[in-house]
Protein backbone atom coordinates (compact mmCIF):
# COMPACT_ATOMS: atom_id res chain seq x y z
CA MET A 1 167.45 -75.98 132.12
CA THR A 2 167.63 -79.68 132.71
CA ASP A 3 164.37 -80.83 134.13
CA HIS A 4 161.66 -82.06 132.05
CA THR A 5 158.25 -82.80 133.53
CA ASP A 6 154.97 -83.66 131.93
CA LYS A 7 152.38 -80.74 131.85
CA SER A 8 149.85 -83.08 133.58
CA ASP A 9 151.95 -83.13 136.66
CA LEU A 10 151.81 -79.44 137.16
CA GLN A 11 148.36 -79.17 138.81
CA ASN A 12 149.75 -80.54 142.14
CA GLU A 13 152.80 -78.35 142.22
CA ASP A 14 153.57 -76.90 145.69
CA LEU A 15 154.34 -73.18 145.17
CA HIS A 16 155.82 -70.90 147.62
CA PHE A 17 156.67 -67.32 147.88
CA VAL A 18 160.31 -66.16 148.85
CA ASP A 19 162.34 -63.18 148.90
CA SER A 20 165.59 -64.55 147.40
CA GLU A 21 167.64 -67.65 147.57
CA LYS A 22 171.27 -68.62 147.08
CA THR A 23 171.09 -71.07 144.21
CA ARG A 24 172.69 -71.04 140.78
CA ASN A 25 174.64 -67.80 139.88
CA ILE A 26 174.14 -66.63 136.39
CA MET A 27 175.27 -63.73 134.36
CA ASP A 28 171.90 -62.56 132.94
CA GLY A 29 172.03 -59.75 135.40
CA ALA A 30 172.40 -56.80 133.04
CA ASN A 31 172.68 -53.49 134.77
CA GLY A 32 170.44 -50.58 134.18
CA GLU A 33 169.28 -47.34 135.64
CA VAL A 34 166.15 -48.61 137.34
CA PHE A 35 165.76 -46.44 140.34
CA GLU A 36 167.04 -43.43 138.54
CA VAL A 37 164.28 -43.75 135.99
CA PHE A 38 161.80 -44.41 138.79
CA ARG A 39 162.75 -41.11 140.35
CA GLU A 40 162.73 -39.16 137.15
CA VAL A 41 159.20 -40.11 136.26
CA ASP A 42 157.79 -39.90 139.71
CA ASP A 43 155.12 -37.37 138.87
CA LEU A 44 153.86 -39.35 135.85
CA ARG A 45 153.98 -42.54 137.88
CA LYS A 46 151.63 -41.02 140.52
CA ILE A 47 149.19 -40.34 137.85
CA ALA A 48 149.52 -43.61 135.88
CA GLY A 49 149.09 -45.60 139.00
CA ASN A 50 146.22 -43.64 140.55
CA GLU A 51 143.05 -45.67 140.30
CA ALA A 52 141.05 -42.47 141.20
CA GLN A 53 142.07 -40.97 137.86
CA SER A 54 140.18 -41.81 134.63
CA LEU A 55 141.68 -44.48 132.39
CA GLU A 56 142.35 -41.92 129.71
CA VAL A 57 144.48 -39.82 131.89
CA ARG A 58 146.39 -42.78 133.35
CA LEU A 59 147.15 -44.24 129.79
CA GLU A 60 148.41 -40.69 128.71
CA ALA A 61 150.78 -40.41 131.59
CA TYR A 62 151.92 -43.96 131.09
CA GLU A 63 152.49 -43.36 127.37
CA ASP A 64 154.56 -40.38 128.34
CA ILE A 65 156.81 -42.54 130.60
CA ILE A 66 157.31 -44.90 127.76
CA ASP A 67 158.09 -42.27 125.23
CA SER A 68 160.71 -40.53 127.47
CA GLU A 69 162.41 -43.80 128.86
CA VAL A 70 162.11 -46.80 126.59
CA GLY A 71 163.71 -47.39 123.09
CA ASP A 72 165.47 -44.90 120.93
CA THR A 73 168.61 -46.65 121.87
CA SER A 74 171.96 -45.75 120.21
CA LEU A 75 173.21 -46.92 116.85
CA VAL A 76 177.01 -46.29 116.50
CA ARG A 77 179.47 -47.25 113.83
CA ALA A 78 182.04 -49.71 115.26
CA ARG A 79 185.13 -48.44 113.23
CA ASN A 80 187.67 -50.11 115.59
CA ILE A 81 185.99 -53.44 115.34
CA GLU A 82 185.70 -53.13 111.63
CA ARG A 83 189.50 -52.94 111.52
CA GLU A 84 189.79 -55.87 113.74
CA VAL A 85 187.56 -58.18 111.87
CA GLY A 86 187.84 -56.95 108.30
CA ILE A 87 184.22 -55.89 107.69
CA ARG A 88 183.30 -52.25 106.82
CA GLN A 89 180.31 -50.44 108.19
CA ILE A 90 179.44 -52.35 111.28
CA TYR A 91 176.82 -50.52 113.39
CA LEU A 92 176.14 -51.63 116.91
CA LYS A 93 172.55 -51.25 118.05
CA PHE A 94 173.08 -51.02 121.89
CA GLU A 95 169.78 -52.00 123.80
CA GLY A 96 171.62 -51.72 127.05
CA GLY A 97 170.36 -48.02 126.90
CA ASN A 98 166.89 -49.20 128.02
CA PRO A 99 166.05 -48.44 131.76
CA THR A 100 166.92 -52.04 133.01
CA GLY A 101 169.74 -52.51 130.68
CA THR A 102 168.14 -54.90 128.10
CA GLN A 103 165.74 -54.97 125.33
CA LYS A 104 163.26 -56.63 127.56
CA ASP A 105 161.98 -53.15 128.61
CA ARG A 106 160.26 -52.83 125.21
CA ILE A 107 157.91 -55.71 125.67
CA ALA A 108 157.42 -55.15 129.34
CA PHE A 109 156.22 -51.64 129.07
CA ALA A 110 154.14 -52.43 125.88
CA GLN A 111 152.26 -55.18 127.75
CA ALA A 112 151.86 -53.19 130.99
CA MET A 113 150.19 -50.39 128.71
CA ASP A 114 148.02 -53.01 127.23
CA ALA A 115 147.04 -54.59 130.58
CA LEU A 116 146.18 -51.10 131.86
CA ARG A 117 144.13 -50.37 128.95
CA ARG A 118 142.10 -53.67 129.17
CA GLY A 119 141.51 -53.40 132.80
CA PHE A 120 143.69 -56.10 134.25
CA ASP A 121 145.16 -55.46 137.81
CA THR A 122 147.93 -58.14 137.76
CA ILE A 123 150.61 -59.28 135.32
CA THR A 124 152.28 -62.66 135.50
CA LEU A 125 155.29 -64.01 133.68
CA ALA A 126 158.25 -66.46 134.10
CA THR A 127 161.87 -65.31 134.06
CA CYS A 128 165.39 -66.14 134.95
CA GLY A 129 166.34 -62.54 135.47
CA ASN A 130 166.21 -59.64 133.16
CA TYR A 131 162.73 -59.91 131.93
CA GLY A 132 161.46 -59.97 135.45
CA THR A 133 163.17 -56.76 136.40
CA ALA A 134 161.80 -55.10 133.24
CA MET A 135 158.24 -56.16 133.98
CA ALA A 136 158.54 -55.34 137.66
CA LEU A 137 159.52 -51.72 136.77
CA ALA A 138 157.00 -51.54 134.04
CA ALA A 139 154.16 -52.82 136.46
CA SER A 140 155.21 -50.62 139.28
CA LEU A 141 155.10 -47.35 137.22
CA SER A 142 151.48 -48.38 135.96
CA GLY A 143 150.16 -49.22 139.41
CA LEU A 144 149.77 -53.01 138.38
CA ARG A 145 150.60 -56.07 140.62
CA CYS A 146 153.30 -58.11 139.26
CA LEU A 147 153.59 -61.84 139.85
CA ILE A 148 156.91 -63.36 138.76
CA TYR A 149 157.66 -67.08 138.56
CA ILE A 150 161.35 -68.09 138.78
CA PRO A 151 162.89 -71.59 138.70
CA GLN A 152 163.89 -72.76 142.06
CA ASN A 153 167.56 -73.39 141.31
CA PHE A 154 168.27 -69.93 139.79
CA HIS A 155 169.79 -67.13 141.64
CA THR A 156 170.45 -63.69 140.14
CA LYS A 157 171.00 -60.28 141.91
CA ARG A 158 168.08 -58.95 139.99
CA ILE A 159 165.73 -60.68 142.29
CA LYS A 160 166.36 -57.94 144.81
CA GLU A 161 165.43 -55.30 142.21
CA MET A 162 162.21 -57.13 141.40
CA ASN A 163 161.41 -57.29 145.14
CA ASP A 164 162.42 -53.58 145.65
CA LEU A 165 160.06 -52.68 142.73
CA GLY A 166 157.03 -54.44 144.56
CA ALA A 167 157.05 -57.63 142.49
CA GLU A 168 155.92 -60.93 144.13
CA ILE A 169 158.38 -63.89 143.53
CA VAL A 170 157.02 -67.34 143.14
CA ARG A 171 159.72 -70.07 143.24
CA VAL A 172 158.95 -73.33 141.32
CA SER A 173 160.78 -76.56 140.81
CA GLY A 174 162.00 -77.32 137.44
CA ASP A 175 163.24 -75.27 134.53
CA TYR A 176 162.35 -71.91 132.87
CA GLU A 177 159.97 -73.67 130.49
CA ARG A 178 158.16 -75.27 133.14
CA ALA A 179 157.86 -71.94 135.04
CA VAL A 180 156.32 -70.44 131.86
CA ILE A 181 153.64 -73.03 131.89
CA LEU A 182 152.74 -72.51 135.48
CA SER A 183 152.65 -68.84 135.14
CA ALA A 184 150.36 -69.12 132.03
CA GLU A 185 148.11 -71.63 133.76
CA HIS A 186 147.77 -69.13 136.69
CA ALA A 187 146.91 -66.34 134.31
CA LYS A 188 144.18 -68.33 132.69
CA LYS A 189 142.75 -69.60 136.01
CA ASP A 190 142.60 -66.28 137.65
CA GLU A 191 142.21 -64.04 134.63
CA LEU A 192 145.60 -62.38 135.03
CA TYR A 193 147.47 -60.68 132.23
CA ASP A 194 149.86 -63.38 130.63
CA ALA A 195 153.14 -61.72 129.67
CA ASN A 196 154.87 -64.93 128.90
CA PRO A 197 156.29 -65.55 125.37
CA GLY A 198 154.26 -67.73 123.13
CA GLY A 199 150.86 -66.76 124.59
CA ASP A 200 147.95 -64.63 123.52
CA ASN A 201 150.10 -61.44 123.62
CA THR A 202 152.81 -62.61 121.30
CA ASP A 203 151.71 -60.03 118.61
CA ILE A 204 152.29 -57.19 121.09
CA GLN A 205 155.72 -58.47 121.90
CA LEU A 206 156.67 -58.81 118.29
CA ARG A 207 155.51 -55.31 117.44
CA ALA A 208 157.43 -53.91 120.43
CA TYR A 209 160.67 -55.50 119.29
CA GLY A 210 159.75 -54.30 115.75
CA GLN A 211 160.51 -50.82 116.95
CA ILE A 212 164.25 -51.72 116.84
CA ALA A 213 163.78 -52.02 113.12
CA TYR A 214 162.18 -48.73 112.99
CA GLU A 215 164.93 -47.01 114.87
CA ILE A 216 167.65 -48.56 112.62
CA TYR A 217 165.74 -47.29 109.67
CA ASP A 218 165.50 -43.73 111.28
CA GLU A 219 169.26 -43.64 111.48
CA LEU A 220 170.26 -45.24 108.25
CA ARG A 221 167.32 -44.27 106.06
CA ASP A 222 167.23 -47.74 104.65
CA ALA A 223 167.63 -51.39 105.80
CA PRO A 224 171.19 -52.76 106.27
CA LEU A 225 172.29 -55.76 104.27
CA ILE A 226 172.43 -57.81 107.42
CA ALA A 227 170.91 -57.54 110.86
CA ALA A 228 172.67 -60.01 113.38
CA VAL A 229 170.92 -60.81 116.61
CA PRO A 230 171.63 -63.09 119.68
CA VAL A 231 168.72 -65.64 120.05
CA SER A 232 167.07 -67.51 123.02
CA ASN A 233 163.27 -67.95 122.49
CA GLY A 234 163.50 -66.09 119.12
CA THR A 235 161.02 -63.45 120.09
CA THR A 236 163.48 -60.57 119.64
CA LEU A 237 164.74 -61.69 116.31
CA ALA A 238 161.27 -62.32 115.01
CA GLY A 239 160.00 -58.91 116.14
CA ILE A 240 162.96 -57.18 114.30
CA TYR A 241 162.22 -59.18 111.03
CA LYS A 242 158.58 -58.19 111.25
CA GLY A 243 159.49 -54.50 111.67
CA PHE A 244 161.71 -54.62 108.63
CA LEU A 245 159.01 -56.48 106.64
CA SER A 246 156.66 -53.75 107.50
CA LEU A 247 158.90 -51.00 106.49
CA TYR A 248 159.57 -52.75 103.18
CA ARG A 249 155.95 -53.40 102.50
CA ARG A 250 155.22 -49.55 102.96
CA GLY A 251 158.03 -48.68 100.52
CA LYS A 252 160.24 -47.17 103.24
CA THR A 253 163.18 -49.43 102.52
CA SER A 254 164.64 -50.77 99.48
CA ARG A 255 165.12 -54.26 100.96
CA ILE A 256 164.72 -56.53 103.93
CA PRO A 257 167.97 -57.21 105.72
CA ARG A 258 169.33 -60.88 105.84
CA ILE A 259 168.61 -62.02 109.43
CA VAL A 260 171.47 -63.74 111.27
CA ALA A 261 171.01 -65.66 114.53
CA GLY A 262 173.75 -66.49 116.95
CA SER A 263 173.31 -68.61 120.06
CA SER A 264 175.17 -70.92 122.50
CA TYR A 265 177.00 -73.95 120.91
CA ARG A 266 174.47 -76.64 120.21
CA LYS A 267 172.22 -75.43 123.00
CA ASN A 268 169.39 -73.61 121.13
CA PRO A 269 166.67 -75.21 119.09
CA ILE A 270 166.56 -72.36 116.44
CA VAL A 271 170.24 -72.72 115.46
CA GLN A 272 170.11 -76.52 115.58
CA ALA A 273 166.98 -76.36 113.24
CA TYR A 274 168.64 -74.26 110.73
CA LEU A 275 171.88 -76.17 110.75
CA ASN A 276 170.05 -79.51 110.48
CA ASN A 277 167.68 -78.04 107.59
CA SER A 278 164.63 -78.89 109.72
CA ASP A 279 161.21 -77.44 108.62
CA SER A 280 160.65 -76.32 112.21
CA CYS A 281 162.38 -76.19 115.61
CA VAL A 282 162.66 -79.55 117.36
CA ASP A 283 163.00 -79.69 121.05
CA LEU A 284 166.51 -80.57 122.42
CA LYS A 285 167.08 -83.06 125.16
CA PRO A 286 167.16 -81.08 128.53
CA GLU A 287 169.50 -83.38 130.05
CA GLN A 288 172.19 -82.71 127.37
CA ILE A 289 172.06 -78.93 128.01
CA ARG A 290 174.84 -77.67 130.26
CA GLU A 291 174.35 -74.23 131.52
CA THR A 292 177.22 -71.79 132.26
CA SER A 293 177.43 -68.39 133.66
CA ILE A 294 178.14 -67.19 130.09
CA ASN A 295 175.52 -69.02 127.97
CA GLU A 296 172.36 -69.09 130.28
CA PRO A 297 170.66 -66.00 128.67
CA LEU A 298 170.77 -67.96 125.26
CA ILE A 299 169.98 -71.59 125.95
CA ASN A 300 166.62 -73.32 125.72
CA TRP A 301 165.52 -76.88 125.09
CA HIS A 302 162.39 -75.53 123.78
CA ALA A 303 162.48 -72.11 121.92
CA ILE A 304 158.97 -70.80 122.53
CA ASP A 305 158.88 -68.45 119.44
CA GLY A 306 161.51 -70.38 117.61
CA ASP A 307 159.40 -71.14 114.47
CA HIS A 308 158.81 -67.44 114.10
CA ALA A 309 162.54 -66.80 114.28
CA LEU A 310 163.38 -69.81 111.89
CA GLU A 311 160.92 -68.31 109.40
CA ALA A 312 162.64 -64.91 109.48
CA ILE A 313 166.08 -66.33 109.00
CA ARG A 314 164.76 -68.54 105.91
CA GLN A 315 162.58 -65.87 104.34
CA THR A 316 165.66 -63.52 104.22
CA ASN A 317 168.26 -65.86 103.01
CA GLY A 318 170.03 -65.40 106.50
CA TRP A 319 171.82 -68.05 108.51
CA ALA A 320 172.24 -69.20 112.10
CA ALA A 321 175.38 -70.04 113.97
CA ASN A 322 176.74 -71.46 117.14
CA ALA A 323 178.94 -69.36 119.42
CA SER A 324 181.21 -70.87 122.06
CA ASP A 325 181.62 -69.40 125.60
CA LYS A 326 185.22 -68.72 124.92
CA ASN A 327 184.18 -66.50 121.75
CA MET A 328 181.46 -64.79 123.61
CA ARG A 329 184.01 -63.70 126.29
CA LEU A 330 186.57 -62.74 123.71
CA PHE A 331 184.14 -60.54 121.66
CA SER A 332 182.71 -58.97 124.80
CA ARG A 333 186.08 -57.91 125.79
CA LEU A 334 186.75 -56.71 122.23
CA ILE A 335 183.71 -54.56 122.27
CA ARG A 336 184.70 -53.13 125.68
CA GLU A 337 188.29 -52.42 124.64
CA LYS A 338 187.66 -51.28 121.12
CA GLU A 339 184.29 -49.47 121.36
CA GLY A 340 183.84 -48.71 125.12
CA LEU A 341 180.62 -50.55 125.52
CA GLN A 342 180.07 -53.06 128.37
CA VAL A 343 177.95 -55.78 127.13
CA LEU A 344 176.94 -59.21 128.47
CA PRO A 345 179.14 -61.94 126.73
CA ALA A 346 175.83 -63.70 125.51
CA SER A 347 174.97 -60.46 123.65
CA THR A 348 177.82 -60.96 121.25
CA ALA A 349 176.48 -64.18 119.78
CA GLY A 350 175.01 -62.48 116.74
CA LEU A 351 178.24 -60.68 115.90
CA ILE A 352 180.18 -63.86 116.13
CA GLY A 353 177.81 -65.42 113.64
CA LEU A 354 178.46 -62.51 111.37
CA VAL A 355 182.28 -62.58 111.65
CA GLU A 356 182.67 -66.30 111.38
CA GLN A 357 180.60 -66.30 108.11
CA HIS A 358 182.72 -63.48 106.74
CA ARG A 359 185.80 -65.59 107.33
CA LYS A 360 184.38 -68.47 105.36
CA GLU A 361 183.13 -66.28 102.54
CA THR A 362 183.84 -62.59 102.22
CA LEU A 363 180.73 -60.47 102.57
CA PRO A 364 180.23 -57.65 100.17
CA ASN A 365 180.83 -54.05 101.07
CA ASP A 366 177.50 -52.79 102.58
CA ARG A 367 176.09 -51.89 105.97
CA PHE A 368 175.76 -54.41 108.79
CA VAL A 369 173.84 -54.01 112.05
CA VAL A 370 174.59 -55.98 115.14
CA VAL A 371 172.05 -55.89 117.90
CA LEU A 372 173.52 -56.09 121.42
CA THR A 373 170.84 -56.93 123.74
CA GLY A 374 172.12 -56.43 127.27
CA ARG A 375 174.44 -54.15 129.32
CA LYS A 376 177.03 -55.80 131.47
CA SER A 377 177.05 -55.41 135.16
């Protein structure tokens, strides 16, 4: 994500549709059970996507799909990792159990449901991989058209899944942040449903991610001392915080967990804002950010929901930490060897932030939840 272009230059952008392109290979390609899910809910899909049916019937069928396939991911105690790192009661919340292998399914299906309810026929968004697959699946099961903007120089095997699910790919020059702007402008111009972060539907995205907090509460019957989360744009972390905040205000939990953010070393505005004690997130210099196959899911020069995430960290007396590619690879292997979970290396950034803080200052005996956001291919 190294190209920075003024928004005023975007109106004349020459867009074109392509099936796929050999460009930069990245590891954001989590693996899921996309087409298995598609087959399992085929009867409900035919109802939800049938315009001849009443909206009420379509929404009911689609809600049944969401209830049966999205969320309720596993929360397991990681006793072997506890022994390795010297922290007791670490629980792994494994978002790789969602249909496309990441937490992105939560917001994709929530927004497809909202788009269907409000009478939209097309959803648009920008992505570098996983979110596009999640939205392509969610849209295909609801009978909605899906228009996905992808930076020209990115290549991920998930593009084939998007195409196979009926999504239309628009390649654009520049970086992810620019693709978001182009997609959002298209949505405004042609009255499409804007599923990009930072837009009018941010509250829906935050509520969808807030379900992660509710599921943790269902298992633990209270909030943990700490919830550690990898961050990119900050939407997932902010949503989890808002979920716990709601639980606490309703008297369901005795506390709100301290929120810990982990991201790629010096390549995320949320972490840098916390470490620099800034009041808000400050854009990084795009030309100074170097992408790798490991860190790509985490890095941004502009964190779209960064201020929401920074507020969550500060309000809960949490912290944010950098994670090197080397450590993310090591912890990914540790989780695989000790707990049997295949996770994307970037998914371990929150765990790294938790462990490194414990090495500096021993954390009290309590319960700790680590959110793992992606399943490794």
